[in-house]
Structures are given as structure tokens and as C-alpha cells.
Full PDB file with SEQRES, HELIX, SHEET, SSBOND, CRYST1, ORIGX, SCALE, CONECT and MASTER records, all heavy atoms in Angstrom:
SEQRES   1 A   42  PRO PRO THR VAL ALA ILE THR ALA GLY ALA LEU VAL ASP          
SEQRES   2 A   42  HIS ALA ALA GLY ARG VAL ARG ARG PRO PRO ARG TRP VAL          
SEQRES   3 A   42  ALA ASN MET GLY LEU GLU TRP LEU VAL ARG LEU SER ARG          
SEQRES   4 A   42  GLU PRO LYS                                                  
HELIX    1 AA1 LEU A   11  ALA A   15  1                                   5    
HELIX    2 AA2 ARG A   24  ASN A   28  1                                   5    
HELIX    3 AA3 GLU A   32  ARG A   39  1                                   8    
CRYST1    1.000    1.000    1.000  90.00  90.00  90.00 P 1           1          
ORIGX1      1.000000  0.000000  0.000000        0.00000                         
ORIGX2      0.000000  1.000000  0.000000        0.00000                         
ORIGX3      0.000000  0.000000  1.000000        0.00000                         
SCALE1      1.000000  0.000000  0.000000        0.00000                         
SCALE2      0.000000  1.000000  0.000000        0.00000                         
SCALE3      0.000000  0.000000  1.000000        0.00000                         
ATOM      1  N   PRO A   1       5.471  33.724  -4.754  1.00  0.00           N  
ATOM      2  CA  PRO A   1       6.793  34.308  -5.011  1.00  0.00           C  
ATOM      3  C   PRO A   1       7.671  33.327  -5.779  1.00  0.00           C  
ATOM      4  O   PRO A   1       7.314  32.146  -5.904  1.00  0.00           O  
ATOM      5  CB  PRO A   1       7.333  34.551  -3.600  1.00  0.00           C  
ATOM      6  CG  PRO A   1       6.683  33.476  -2.775  1.00  0.00           C  
ATOM      7  CD  PRO A   1       5.299  33.334  -3.343  1.00  0.00           C  
ATOM      8  N   PRO A   2       8.814  33.762  -6.311  1.00  0.00           N  
ATOM      9  CA  PRO A   2       9.714  32.838  -7.010  1.00  0.00           C  
ATOM     10  C   PRO A   2      10.106  31.663  -6.109  1.00  0.00           C  
ATOM     11  O   PRO A   2      10.659  31.850  -5.029  1.00  0.00           O  
ATOM     12  CB  PRO A   2      10.932  33.712  -7.339  1.00  0.00           C  
ATOM     13  CG  PRO A   2      10.388  35.093  -7.406  1.00  0.00           C  
ATOM     14  CD  PRO A   2       9.319  35.148  -6.360  1.00  0.00           C  
ATOM     15  N   THR A   3       9.783  30.485  -6.544  1.00  0.00           N  
ATOM     16  CA  THR A   3      10.080  29.266  -5.799  1.00  0.00           C  
ATOM     17  C   THR A   3       9.988  28.084  -6.744  1.00  0.00           C  
ATOM     18  O   THR A   3       9.453  28.212  -7.858  1.00  0.00           O  
ATOM     19  CB  THR A   3       9.109  29.082  -4.612  1.00  0.00           C  
ATOM     20  OG1 THR A   3       9.548  27.996  -3.787  1.00  0.00           O  
ATOM     21  CG2 THR A   3       7.692  28.783  -5.103  1.00  0.00           C  
ATOM     22  N   VAL A   4      10.508  26.942  -6.334  1.00  0.00           N  
ATOM     23  CA  VAL A   4      10.336  25.697  -7.068  1.00  0.00           C  
ATOM     24  C   VAL A   4       9.231  24.919  -6.365  1.00  0.00           C  
ATOM     25  O   VAL A   4       9.410  24.451  -5.241  1.00  0.00           O  
ATOM     26  CB  VAL A   4      11.630  24.869  -7.106  1.00  0.00           C  
ATOM     27  CG1 VAL A   4      11.397  23.549  -7.854  1.00  0.00           C  
ATOM     28  CG2 VAL A   4      12.763  25.657  -7.759  1.00  0.00           C  
ATOM     29  N   ALA A   5       8.067  24.829  -6.996  1.00  0.00           N  
ATOM     30  CA  ALA A   5       6.924  24.131  -6.412  1.00  0.00           C  
ATOM     31  C   ALA A   5       6.823  22.740  -7.016  1.00  0.00           C  
ATOM     32  O   ALA A   5       6.849  22.583  -8.241  1.00  0.00           O  
ATOM     33  CB  ALA A   5       5.635  24.918  -6.658  1.00  0.00           C  
ATOM     34  N   ILE A   6       6.699  21.741  -6.153  1.00  0.00           N  
ATOM     35  CA  ILE A   6       6.679  20.342  -6.579  1.00  0.00           C  
ATOM     36  C   ILE A   6       5.421  19.675  -6.038  1.00  0.00           C  
ATOM     37  O   ILE A   6       5.168  19.709  -4.829  1.00  0.00           O  
ATOM     38  CB  ILE A   6       7.919  19.589  -6.057  1.00  0.00           C  
ATOM     39  CG1 ILE A   6       9.203  20.274  -6.552  1.00  0.00           C  
ATOM     40  CG2 ILE A   6       7.887  18.126  -6.488  1.00  0.00           C  
ATOM     41  CD1 ILE A   6      10.454  19.787  -5.836  1.00  0.00           C  
ATOM     42  N   THR A   7       4.619  19.085  -6.917  1.00  0.00           N  
ATOM     43  CA  THR A   7       3.482  18.282  -6.454  1.00  0.00           C  
ATOM     44  C   THR A   7       4.047  16.965  -5.933  1.00  0.00           C  
ATOM     45  O   THR A   7       4.462  16.112  -6.707  1.00  0.00           O  
ATOM     46  CB  THR A   7       2.471  18.036  -7.583  1.00  0.00           C  
ATOM     47  OG1 THR A   7       3.145  17.445  -8.708  1.00  0.00           O  
ATOM     48  CG2 THR A   7       1.815  19.338  -8.021  1.00  0.00           C  
ATOM     49  N   ALA A   8       4.057  16.829  -4.619  1.00  0.00           N  
ATOM     50  CA  ALA A   8       4.818  15.744  -4.001  1.00  0.00           C  
ATOM     51  C   ALA A   8       3.954  14.644  -3.404  1.00  0.00           C  
ATOM     52  O   ALA A   8       4.479  13.644  -2.917  1.00  0.00           O  
ATOM     53  CB  ALA A   8       5.743  16.315  -2.924  1.00  0.00           C  
ATOM     54  N   GLY A   9       2.615  14.820  -3.387  1.00  0.00           N  
ATOM     55  CA  GLY A   9       1.741  13.753  -2.931  1.00  0.00           C  
ATOM     56  C   GLY A   9       2.049  13.278  -1.526  1.00  0.00           C  
ATOM     57  O   GLY A   9       2.000  14.047  -0.561  1.00  0.00           O  
ATOM     58  N   ALA A  10       2.418  12.008  -1.406  1.00  0.00           N  
ATOM     59  CA  ALA A  10       2.655  11.395  -0.092  1.00  0.00           C  
ATOM     60  C   ALA A  10       4.102  11.527   0.367  1.00  0.00           C  
ATOM     61  O   ALA A  10       4.511  10.840   1.309  1.00  0.00           O  
ATOM     62  CB  ALA A  10       2.255   9.922  -0.135  1.00  0.00           C  
ATOM     63  N   LEU A  11       4.874  12.420  -0.249  1.00  0.00           N  
ATOM     64  CA  LEU A  11       6.272  12.588   0.153  1.00  0.00           C  
ATOM     65  C   LEU A  11       6.385  12.927   1.633  1.00  0.00           C  
ATOM     66  O   LEU A  11       7.314  12.476   2.314  1.00  0.00           O  
ATOM     67  CB  LEU A  11       6.926  13.682  -0.691  1.00  0.00           C  
ATOM     68  CG  LEU A  11       8.350  14.080  -0.280  1.00  0.00           C  
ATOM     69  CD1 LEU A  11       9.304  12.906  -0.428  1.00  0.00           C  
ATOM     70  CD2 LEU A  11       8.842  15.264  -1.099  1.00  0.00           C  
ATOM     71  N   VAL A  12       5.440  13.713   2.147  1.00  0.00           N  
ATOM     72  CA  VAL A  12       5.500  14.098   3.553  1.00  0.00           C  
ATOM     73  C   VAL A  12       5.454  12.868   4.454  1.00  0.00           C  
ATOM     74  O   VAL A  12       6.144  12.801   5.480  1.00  0.00           O  
ATOM     75  CB  VAL A  12       4.356  15.089   3.891  1.00  0.00           C  
ATOM     76  CG1 VAL A  12       2.984  14.436   3.717  1.00  0.00           C  
ATOM     77  CG2 VAL A  12       4.516  15.653   5.295  1.00  0.00           C  
ATOM     78  N   ASP A  13       4.662  11.858   4.083  1.00  0.00           N  
ATOM     79  CA  ASP A  13       4.581  10.627   4.873  1.00  0.00           C  
ATOM     80  C   ASP A  13       5.866   9.817   4.764  1.00  0.00           C  
ATOM     81  O   ASP A  13       6.304   9.199   5.743  1.00  0.00           O  
ATOM     82  CB  ASP A  13       3.385   9.793   4.414  1.00  0.00           C  
ATOM     83  CG  ASP A  13       2.060  10.517   4.633  1.00  0.00           C  
ATOM     84  OD1 ASP A  13       1.835  10.999   5.745  1.00  0.00           O  
ATOM     85  OD2 ASP A  13       1.273  10.594   3.678  1.00  0.00           O  
ATOM     86  N   HIS A  14       6.464   9.805   3.577  1.00  0.00           N  
ATOM     87  CA  HIS A  14       7.743   9.114   3.403  1.00  0.00           C  
ATOM     88  C   HIS A  14       8.827   9.786   4.229  1.00  0.00           C  
ATOM     89  O   HIS A  14       9.612   9.120   4.915  1.00  0.00           O  
ATOM     90  CB  HIS A  14       8.147   9.105   1.930  1.00  0.00           C  
ATOM     91  CG  HIS A  14       7.291   8.232   1.068  1.00  0.00           C  
ATOM     92  ND1 HIS A  14       7.436   6.859   1.009  1.00  0.00           N  
ATOM     93  CD2 HIS A  14       6.285   8.535   0.214  1.00  0.00           C  
ATOM     94  CE1 HIS A  14       6.546   6.353   0.166  1.00  0.00           C  
ATOM     95  NE2 HIS A  14       5.843   7.344  -0.333  1.00  0.00           N  
ATOM     96  N   ALA A  15       8.880  11.133   4.168  1.00  0.00           N  
ATOM     97  CA  ALA A  15       9.917  11.879   4.873  1.00  0.00           C  
ATOM     98  C   ALA A  15       9.799  11.692   6.382  1.00  0.00           C  
ATOM     99  O   ALA A  15      10.809  11.637   7.099  1.00  0.00           O  
ATOM    100  CB  ALA A  15       9.822  13.361   4.508  1.00  0.00           C  
ATOM    101  N   ALA A  16       8.560  11.596   6.873  1.00  0.00           N  
ATOM    102  CA  ALA A  16       8.336  11.431   8.308  1.00  0.00           C  
ATOM    103  C   ALA A  16       8.527   9.992   8.770  1.00  0.00           C  
ATOM    104  O   ALA A  16       8.433   9.698   9.966  1.00  0.00           O  
ATOM    105  CB  ALA A  16       6.928  11.904   8.671  1.00  0.00           C  
ATOM    106  N   GLY A  17       8.774   9.075   7.835  1.00  0.00           N  
ATOM    107  CA  GLY A  17       8.962   7.682   8.187  1.00  0.00           C  
ATOM    108  C   GLY A  17       7.669   6.939   8.437  1.00  0.00           C  
ATOM    109  O   GLY A  17       7.680   5.822   8.965  1.00  0.00           O  
ATOM    110  N   ARG A  18       6.540   7.543   8.034  1.00  0.00           N  
ATOM    111  CA  ARG A  18       5.241   6.877   8.241  1.00  0.00           C  
ATOM    112  C   ARG A  18       4.963   5.827   7.165  1.00  0.00           C  
ATOM    113  O   ARG A  18       4.188   4.909   7.381  1.00  0.00           O  
ATOM    114  CB  ARG A  18       4.118   7.925   8.224  1.00  0.00           C  
ATOM    115  CG  ARG A  18       4.250   9.012   9.283  1.00  0.00           C  
ATOM    116  CD  ARG A  18       4.131   8.462  10.686  1.00  0.00           C  
ATOM    117  NE  ARG A  18       4.212   9.485  11.707  1.00  0.00           N  
ATOM    118  CZ  ARG A  18       3.146  10.077  12.255  1.00  0.00           C  
ATOM    119  NH1 ARG A  18       1.928   9.738  11.859  1.00  0.00           N  
ATOM    120  NH2 ARG A  18       3.313  10.994  13.185  1.00  0.00           N  
ATOM    121  N   VAL A  19       5.570   6.009   5.992  1.00  0.00           N  
ATOM    122  CA  VAL A  19       5.353   5.089   4.871  1.00  0.00           C  
ATOM    123  C   VAL A  19       6.712   4.742   4.281  1.00  0.00           C  
ATOM    124  O   VAL A  19       7.562   5.622   4.101  1.00  0.00           O  
ATOM    125  CB  VAL A  19       4.462   5.719   3.779  1.00  0.00           C  
ATOM    126  CG1 VAL A  19       4.328   4.772   2.590  1.00  0.00           C  
ATOM    127  CG2 VAL A  19       3.093   6.065   4.340  1.00  0.00           C  
ATOM    128  N   ARG A  20       6.926   3.475   4.000  1.00  0.00           N  
ATOM    129  CA  ARG A  20       8.172   3.030   3.378  1.00  0.00           C  
ATOM    130  C   ARG A  20       7.943   2.766   1.898  1.00  0.00           C  
ATOM    131  O   ARG A  20       6.925   2.203   1.513  1.00  0.00           O  
ATOM    132  CB  ARG A  20       8.682   1.742   4.024  1.00  0.00           C  
ATOM    133  CG  ARG A  20       9.305   1.926   5.382  1.00  0.00           C  
ATOM    134  CD  ARG A  20       9.912   0.610   5.829  1.00  0.00           C  
ATOM    135  NE  ARG A  20      10.574   0.709   7.116  1.00  0.00           N  
ATOM    136  CZ  ARG A  20      11.216  -0.292   7.688  1.00  0.00           C  
ATOM    137  NH1 ARG A  20      11.251  -1.476   7.085  1.00  0.00           N  
ATOM    138  NH2 ARG A  20      11.801  -0.122   8.850  1.00  0.00           N  
ATOM    139  N   ARG A  21       8.927   3.159   1.106  1.00  0.00           N  
ATOM    140  CA  ARG A  21       8.848   2.849  -0.316  1.00  0.00           C  
ATOM    141  C   ARG A  21       9.225   1.394  -0.539  1.00  0.00           C  
ATOM    142  O   ARG A  21      10.124   0.871   0.131  1.00  0.00           O  
ATOM    143  CB  ARG A  21       9.806   3.751  -1.116  1.00  0.00           C  
ATOM    144  CG  ARG A  21       9.305   5.165  -1.261  1.00  0.00           C  
ATOM    145  CD  ARG A  21      10.110   5.924  -2.316  1.00  0.00           C  
ATOM    146  NE  ARG A  21      10.101   5.231  -3.595  1.00  0.00           N  
ATOM    147  CZ  ARG A  21       9.089   5.215  -4.447  1.00  0.00           C  
ATOM    148  NH1 ARG A  21       7.975   5.843  -4.135  1.00  0.00           N  
ATOM    149  NH2 ARG A  21       9.173   4.581  -5.584  1.00  0.00           N  
ATOM    150  N   PRO A  22       8.552   0.706  -1.480  1.00  0.00           N  
ATOM    151  CA  PRO A  22       8.939  -0.670  -1.792  1.00  0.00           C  
ATOM    152  C   PRO A  22      10.276  -0.679  -2.520  1.00  0.00           C  
ATOM    153  O   PRO A  22      10.737   0.360  -3.007  1.00  0.00           O  
ATOM    154  CB  PRO A  22       7.805  -1.142  -2.710  1.00  0.00           C  
ATOM    155  CG  PRO A  22       7.283   0.101  -3.344  1.00  0.00           C  
ATOM    156  CD  PRO A  22       7.420   1.171  -2.298  1.00  0.00           C  
ATOM    157  N   PRO A  23      10.932  -1.828  -2.592  1.00  0.00           N  
ATOM    158  CA  PRO A  23      12.204  -1.909  -3.323  1.00  0.00           C  
ATOM    159  C   PRO A  23      12.037  -1.445  -4.765  1.00  0.00           C  
ATOM    160  O   PRO A  23      10.948  -1.551  -5.351  1.00  0.00           O  
ATOM    161  CB  PRO A  23      12.551  -3.401  -3.256  1.00  0.00           C  
ATOM    162  CG  PRO A  23      11.790  -3.924  -2.081  1.00  0.00           C  
ATOM    163  CD  PRO A  23      10.537  -3.122  -2.008  1.00  0.00           C  
ATOM    164  N   ARG A  24      13.129  -0.948  -5.331  1.00  0.00           N  
ATOM    165  CA  ARG A  24      13.091  -0.420  -6.694  1.00  0.00           C  
ATOM    166  C   ARG A  24      12.630  -1.473  -7.690  1.00  0.00           C  
ATOM    167  O   ARG A  24      11.938  -1.161  -8.660  1.00  0.00           O  
ATOM    168  CB  ARG A  24      14.475   0.109  -7.090  1.00  0.00           C  
ATOM    169  CG  ARG A  24      14.554   0.718  -8.486  1.00  0.00           C  
ATOM    170  CD  ARG A  24      13.703   1.956  -8.618  1.00  0.00           C  
ATOM    171  NE  ARG A  24      13.598   2.383 -10.012  1.00  0.00           N  
ATOM    172  CZ  ARG A  24      12.825   3.367 -10.429  1.00  0.00           C  
ATOM    173  NH1 ARG A  24      12.093   4.035  -9.575  1.00  0.00           N  
ATOM    174  NH2 ARG A  24      12.771   3.689 -11.697  1.00  0.00           N  
ATOM    175  N   TRP A  25      12.979  -2.746  -7.465  1.00  0.00           N  
ATOM    176  CA  TRP A  25      12.599  -3.783  -8.424  1.00  0.00           C  
ATOM    177  C   TRP A  25      11.084  -3.939  -8.491  1.00  0.00           C  
ATOM    178  O   TRP A  25      10.535  -4.312  -9.535  1.00  0.00           O  
ATOM    179  CB  TRP A  25      13.270  -5.111  -8.092  1.00  0.00           C  
ATOM    180  CG  TRP A  25      12.861  -5.744  -6.795  1.00  0.00           C  
ATOM    181  CD1 TRP A  25      13.488  -5.624  -5.589  1.00  0.00           C  
ATOM    182  CD2 TRP A  25      11.722  -6.599  -6.562  1.00  0.00           C  
ATOM    183  NE1 TRP A  25      12.816  -6.335  -4.623  1.00  0.00           N  
ATOM    184  CE2 TRP A  25      11.743  -6.958  -5.184  1.00  0.00           C  
ATOM    185  CE3 TRP A  25      10.709  -7.099  -7.380  1.00  0.00           C  
ATOM    186  CZ2 TRP A  25      10.776  -7.780  -4.616  1.00  0.00           C  
ATOM    187  CZ3 TRP A  25       9.744  -7.926  -6.813  1.00  0.00           C  
ATOM    188  CH2 TRP A  25       9.787  -8.258  -5.458  1.00  0.00           C  
ATOM    189  N   VAL A  26      10.388  -3.631  -7.380  1.00  0.00           N  
ATOM    190  CA  VAL A  26       8.925  -3.692  -7.387  1.00  0.00           C  
ATOM    191  C   VAL A  26       8.367  -2.621  -8.317  1.00  0.00           C  
ATOM    192  O   VAL A  26       7.465  -2.875  -9.125  1.00  0.00           O  
ATOM    193  CB  VAL A  26       8.371  -3.509  -5.960  1.00  0.00           C  
ATOM    194  CG1 VAL A  26       6.849  -3.415  -5.986  1.00  0.00           C  
ATOM    195  CG2 VAL A  26       8.814  -4.657  -5.061  1.00  0.00           C  
ATOM    196  N   ALA A  27       8.915  -1.399  -8.211  1.00  0.00           N  
ATOM    197  CA  ALA A  27       8.481  -0.317  -9.095  1.00  0.00           C  
ATOM    198  C   ALA A  27       8.823  -0.639 -10.542  1.00  0.00           C  
ATOM    199  O   ALA A  27       8.033  -0.364 -11.463  1.00  0.00           O  
ATOM    200  CB  ALA A  27       9.138   0.993  -8.673  1.00  0.00           C  
ATOM    201  N   ASN A  28       9.993  -1.222 -10.777  1.00  0.00           N  
ATOM    202  CA  ASN A  28      10.398  -1.555 -12.149  1.00  0.00           C  
ATOM    203  C   ASN A  28       9.466  -2.582 -12.778  1.00  0.00           C  
ATOM    204  O   ASN A  28       9.289  -2.608 -14.002  1.00  0.00           O  
ATOM    205  CB  ASN A  28      11.832  -2.093 -12.156  1.00  0.00           C  
ATOM    206  CG  ASN A  28      12.854  -1.004 -11.872  1.00  0.00           C  
ATOM    207  OD1 ASN A  28      12.580   0.185 -12.034  1.00  0.00           O  
ATOM    208  ND2 ASN A  28      14.044  -1.402 -11.442  1.00  0.00           N  
ATOM    209  N   MET A  29       8.858  -3.417 -11.952  1.00  0.00           N  
ATOM    210  CA  MET A  29       7.919  -4.413 -12.465  1.00  0.00           C  
ATOM    211  C   MET A  29       6.503  -3.852 -12.597  1.00  0.00           C  
ATOM    212  O   MET A  29       5.597  -4.545 -13.052  1.00  0.00           O  
ATOM    213  CB  MET A  29       7.892  -5.642 -11.538  1.00  0.00           C  
ATOM    214  CG  MET A  29       9.173  -6.455 -11.540  1.00  0.00           C  
ATOM    215  SD  MET A  29       9.063  -7.889 -10.458  1.00  0.00           S  
ATOM    216  CE  MET A  29       7.793  -8.853 -11.282  1.00  0.00           C  
ATOM    217  N   GLY A  30       6.331  -2.596 -12.203  1.00  0.00           N  
ATOM    218  CA  GLY A  30       5.013  -1.972 -12.307  1.00  0.00           C  
ATOM    219  C   GLY A  30       4.045  -2.422 -11.232  1.00  0.00           C  
ATOM    220  O   GLY A  30       2.824  -2.319 -11.408  1.00  0.00           O  
ATOM    221  N   LEU A  31       4.572  -2.892 -10.084  1.00  0.00           N  
ATOM    222  CA  LEU A  31       3.716  -3.437  -9.031  1.00  0.00           C  
ATOM    223  C   LEU A  31       3.650  -2.546  -7.799  1.00  0.00           C  
ATOM    224  O   LEU A  31       3.118  -2.967  -6.765  1.00  0.00           O  
ATOM    225  CB  LEU A  31       4.213  -4.829  -8.633  1.00  0.00           C  
ATOM    226  CG  LEU A  31       4.158  -5.905  -9.730  1.00  0.00           C  
ATOM    227  CD1 LEU A  31       4.771  -7.196  -9.224  1.00  0.00           C  
ATOM    228  CD2 LEU A  31       2.718  -6.122 -10.183  1.00  0.00           C  
ATOM    229  N   GLU A  32       4.157  -1.333  -7.894  1.00  0.00           N  
ATOM    230  CA  GLU A  32       4.150  -0.447  -6.732  1.00  0.00           C  
ATOM    231  C   GLU A  32       2.719  -0.164  -6.268  1.00  0.00           C  
ATOM    232  O   GLU A  32       2.446  -0.035  -5.082  1.00  0.00           O  
ATOM    233  CB  GLU A  32       4.871   0.858  -7.053  1.00  0.00           C  
ATOM    234  CG  GLU A  32       5.068   1.749  -5.839  1.00  0.00           C  
ATOM    235  CD  GLU A  32       5.968   2.932  -6.142  1.00  0.00           C  
ATOM    236  OE1 GLU A  32       6.428   3.067  -7.293  1.00  0.00           O  
ATOM    237  OE2 GLU A  32       6.207   3.726  -5.217  1.00  0.00           O  
ATOM    238  N   TRP A  33       1.788  -0.080  -7.230  1.00  0.00           N  
ATOM    239  CA  TRP A  33       0.389   0.181  -6.876  1.00  0.00           C  
ATOM    240  C   TRP A  33      -0.171  -0.920  -5.986  1.00  0.00           C  
ATOM    241  O   TRP A  33      -0.968  -0.652  -5.076  1.00  0.00           O  
ATOM    242  CB  TRP A  33      -0.448   0.312  -8.148  1.00  0.00           C  
ATOM    243  CG  TRP A  33      -0.592  -0.978  -8.917  1.00  0.00           C  
ATOM    244  CD1 TRP A  33       0.249  -1.456  -9.870  1.00  0.00           C  
ATOM    245  CD2 TRP A  33      -1.617  -1.963  -8.747  1.00  0.00           C  
ATOM    246  NE1 TRP A  33      -0.195  -2.681 -10.325  1.00  0.00           N  
ATOM    247  CE2 TRP A  33      -1.339  -3.008  -9.657  1.00  0.00           C  
ATOM    248  CE3 TRP A  33      -2.748  -2.051  -7.940  1.00  0.00           C  
ATOM    249  CZ2 TRP A  33      -2.150  -4.134  -9.770  1.00  0.00           C  
ATOM    250  CZ3 TRP A  33      -3.564  -3.170  -8.035  1.00  0.00           C  
ATOM    251  CH2 TRP A  33      -3.258  -4.200  -8.948  1.00  0.00           C  
ATOM    252  N   LEU A  34       0.265  -2.162  -6.237  1.00  0.00           N  
ATOM    253  CA  LEU A  34      -0.240  -3.282  -5.448  1.00  0.00           C  
ATOM    254  C   LEU A  34       0.276  -3.207  -4.011  1.00  0.00           C  
ATOM    255  O   LEU A  34      -0.466  -3.504  -3.059  1.00  0.00           O  
ATOM    256  CB  LEU A  34       0.186  -4.599  -6.098  1.00  0.00           C  
ATOM    257  CG  LEU A  34      -0.380  -5.885  -5.497  1.00  0.00           C  
ATOM    258  CD1 LEU A  34      -1.898  -5.863  -5.525  1.00  0.00           C  
ATOM    259  CD2 LEU A  34       0.155  -7.097  -6.247  1.00  0.00           C  
ATOM    260  N   VAL A  35       1.521  -2.781  -3.858  1.00  0.00           N  
ATOM    261  CA  VAL A  35       2.086  -2.622  -2.517  1.00  0.00           C  
ATOM    262  C   VAL A  35       1.347  -1.521  -1.770  1.00  0.00           C  
ATOM    263  O   VAL A  35       0.981  -1.671  -0.603  1.00  0.00           O  
ATOM    264  CB  VAL A  35       3.592  -2.316  -2.602  1.00  0.00           C  
ATOM    265  CG1 VAL A  35       4.155  -2.005  -1.213  1.00  0.00           C  
ATOM    266  CG2 VAL A  35       4.345  -3.486  -3.213  1.00  0.00           C  
ATOM    267  N   ARG A  36       1.110  -0.396  -2.444  1.00  0.00           N  
ATOM    268  CA  ARG A  36       0.394   0.718  -1.812  1.00  0.00           C  
ATOM    269  C   ARG A  36      -1.025   0.319  -1.423  1.00  0.00           C  
ATOM    270  O   ARG A  36      -1.503   0.678  -0.358  1.00  0.00           O  
ATOM    271  CB  ARG A  36       0.367   1.922  -2.751  1.00  0.00           C  
ATOM    272  CG  ARG A  36       1.711   2.554  -3.020  1.00  0.00           C  
ATOM    273  CD  ARG A  36       1.556   3.861  -3.753  1.00  0.00           C  
ATOM    274  NE  ARG A  36       0.854   4.840  -2.934  1.00  0.00           N  
ATOM    275  CZ  ARG A  36       0.381   5.986  -3.403  1.00  0.00           C  
ATOM    276  NH1 ARG A  36       0.529   6.302  -4.687  1.00  0.00           N  
ATOM    277  NH2 ARG A  36      -0.243   6.837  -2.607  1.00  0.00           N  
ATOM    278  N   LEU A  37      -1.678  -0.426  -2.306  1.00  0.00           N  
ATOM    279  CA  LEU A  37      -3.040  -0.880  -2.009  1.00  0.00           C  
ATOM    280  C   LEU A  37      -3.065  -1.787  -0.793  1.00  0.00           C  
ATOM    281  O   LEU A  37      -3.965  -1.687   0.057  1.00  0.00           O  
ATOM    282  CB  LEU A  37      -3.618  -1.598  -3.228  1.00  0.00           C  
ATOM    283  CG  LEU A  37      -5.027  -2.188  -3.067  1.00  0.00           C  
ATOM    284  CD1 LEU A  37      -6.041  -1.094  -2.772  1.00  0.00           C  
ATOM    285  CD2 LEU A  37      -5.424  -2.962  -4.335  1.00  0.00           C  
ATOM    286  N   SER A  38      -2.085  -2.682  -0.673  1.00  0.00           N  
ATOM    287  CA  SER A  38      -2.045  -3.600   0.463  1.00  0.00           C  
ATOM    288  C   SER A  38      -1.789  -2.865   1.766  1.00  0.00           C  
ATOM    289  O   SER A  38      -2.231  -3.301   2.837  1.00  0.00           O  
ATOM    290  CB  SER A  38      -0.966  -4.667   0.241  1.00  0.00           C  
ATOM    291  OG  SER A  38       0.331  -4.094   0.249  1.00  0.00           O  
ATOM    292  N   ARG A  39      -1.095  -1.730   1.691  1.00  0.00           N  
ATOM    293  CA  ARG A  39      -0.784  -0.969   2.902  1.00  0.00           C  
ATOM    294  C   ARG A  39      -1.915  -0.032   3.314  1.00  0.00           C  
ATOM    295  O   ARG A  39      -2.119   0.207   4.503  1.00  0.00           O  
ATOM    296  CB  ARG A  39       0.501  -0.153   2.682  1.00  0.00           C  
ATOM    297  CG  ARG A  39       1.772  -0.996   2.613  1.00  0.00           C  
ATOM    298  CD  ARG A  39       2.960  -0.131   2.260  1.00  0.00           C  
ATOM    299  NE  ARG A  39       4.210  -0.888   2.289  1.00  0.00           N  
ATOM    300  CZ  ARG A  39       5.376  -0.411   1.886  1.00  0.00           C  
ATOM    301  NH1 ARG A  39       5.456   0.836   1.431  1.00  0.00           N  
ATOM    302  NH2 ARG A  39       6.462  -1.149   1.943  1.00  0.00           N  
ATOM    303  N   GLU A  40      -2.617   0.526   2.323  1.00  0.00           N  
ATOM    304  CA  GLU A  40      -3.682   1.488   2.621  1.00  0.00           C  
ATOM    305  C   GLU A  40      -4.951   1.122   1.846  1.00  0.00           C  
ATOM    306  O   GLU A  40      -5.416   1.885   1.005  1.00  0.00           O  
ATOM    307  CB  GLU A  40      -3.246   2.907   2.248  1.00  0.00           C  
ATOM    308  CG  GLU A  40      -2.012   3.401   2.965  1.00  0.00           C  
ATOM    309  CD  GLU A  40      -1.640   4.804   2.535  1.00  0.00           C  
ATOM    310  OE1 GLU A  40      -2.149   5.779   3.130  1.00  0.00           O  
ATOM    311  OE2 GLU A  40      -0.840   4.928   1.586  1.00  0.00           O  
ATOM    312  N   PRO A  41      -5.538  -0.050   2.126  1.00  0.00           N  
ATOM    313  CA  PRO A  41      -6.689  -0.497   1.327  1.00  0.00           C  
ATOM    314  C   PRO A  41      -7.909   0.415   1.449  1.00  0.00           C  
ATOM    315  O   PRO A  41      -8.613   0.635   0.465  1.00  0.00           O  
ATOM    316  CB  PRO A  41      -6.976  -1.899   1.882  1.00  0.00           C  
ATOM    317  CG  PRO A  41      -6.361  -1.904   3.253  1.00  0.00           C  
ATOM    318  CD  PRO A  41      -5.158  -1.033   3.154  1.00  0.00           C  
ATOM    319  N   LYS A  42      -8.176   0.942   2.642  1.00  0.00           N  
ATOM    320  CA  LYS A  42      -9.362   1.773   2.822  1.00  0.00           C  
ATOM    321  C   LYS A  42      -9.282   3.064   2.010  1.00  0.00           C  
ATOM    322  O   LYS A  42     -10.296   3.551   1.500  1.00  0.00           O  
ATOM    323  CB  LYS A  42      -9.555   2.105   4.303  1.00  0.00           C  
ATOM    324  CG  LYS A  42      -9.989   0.915   5.142  1.00  0.00           C  
ATOM    325  CD  LYS A  42     -10.252   1.341   6.578  1.00  0.00           C  
ATOM    326  CE  LYS A  42     -10.718   0.165   7.416  1.00  0.00           C  
ATOM    327  NZ  LYS A  42     -10.980   0.569   8.829  1.00  0.00           N  
TER     328      LYS A  42                                                      
MASTER        0    0    0    3    0    0    0    6  327    1    0    4          
END                                                                             
């Protein structure tokens, strides 16, 4: 039906407080992937 559908990935984990986003400066440096890898290596 008419709706706004968003591919949100891990947003549900962020919203539930299960995962924290790194500081914005980390993303600006292009290192967010490294933070995510360190948190969920498996």
C-alpha cells in the first residue's frame, strides 16, 4: 500500500539500544567500518 519504505539495515538494533553509533568524526574519517568490525567480528 502507499507508504514510505526505507532500507534501514541495523537501524532496529540502534533504536533498541543494542548497538551504538560511533562519533560523527569517525564516520567523517571513513573509519566507521572498522568500528563495526571490532564490535561484530564474527
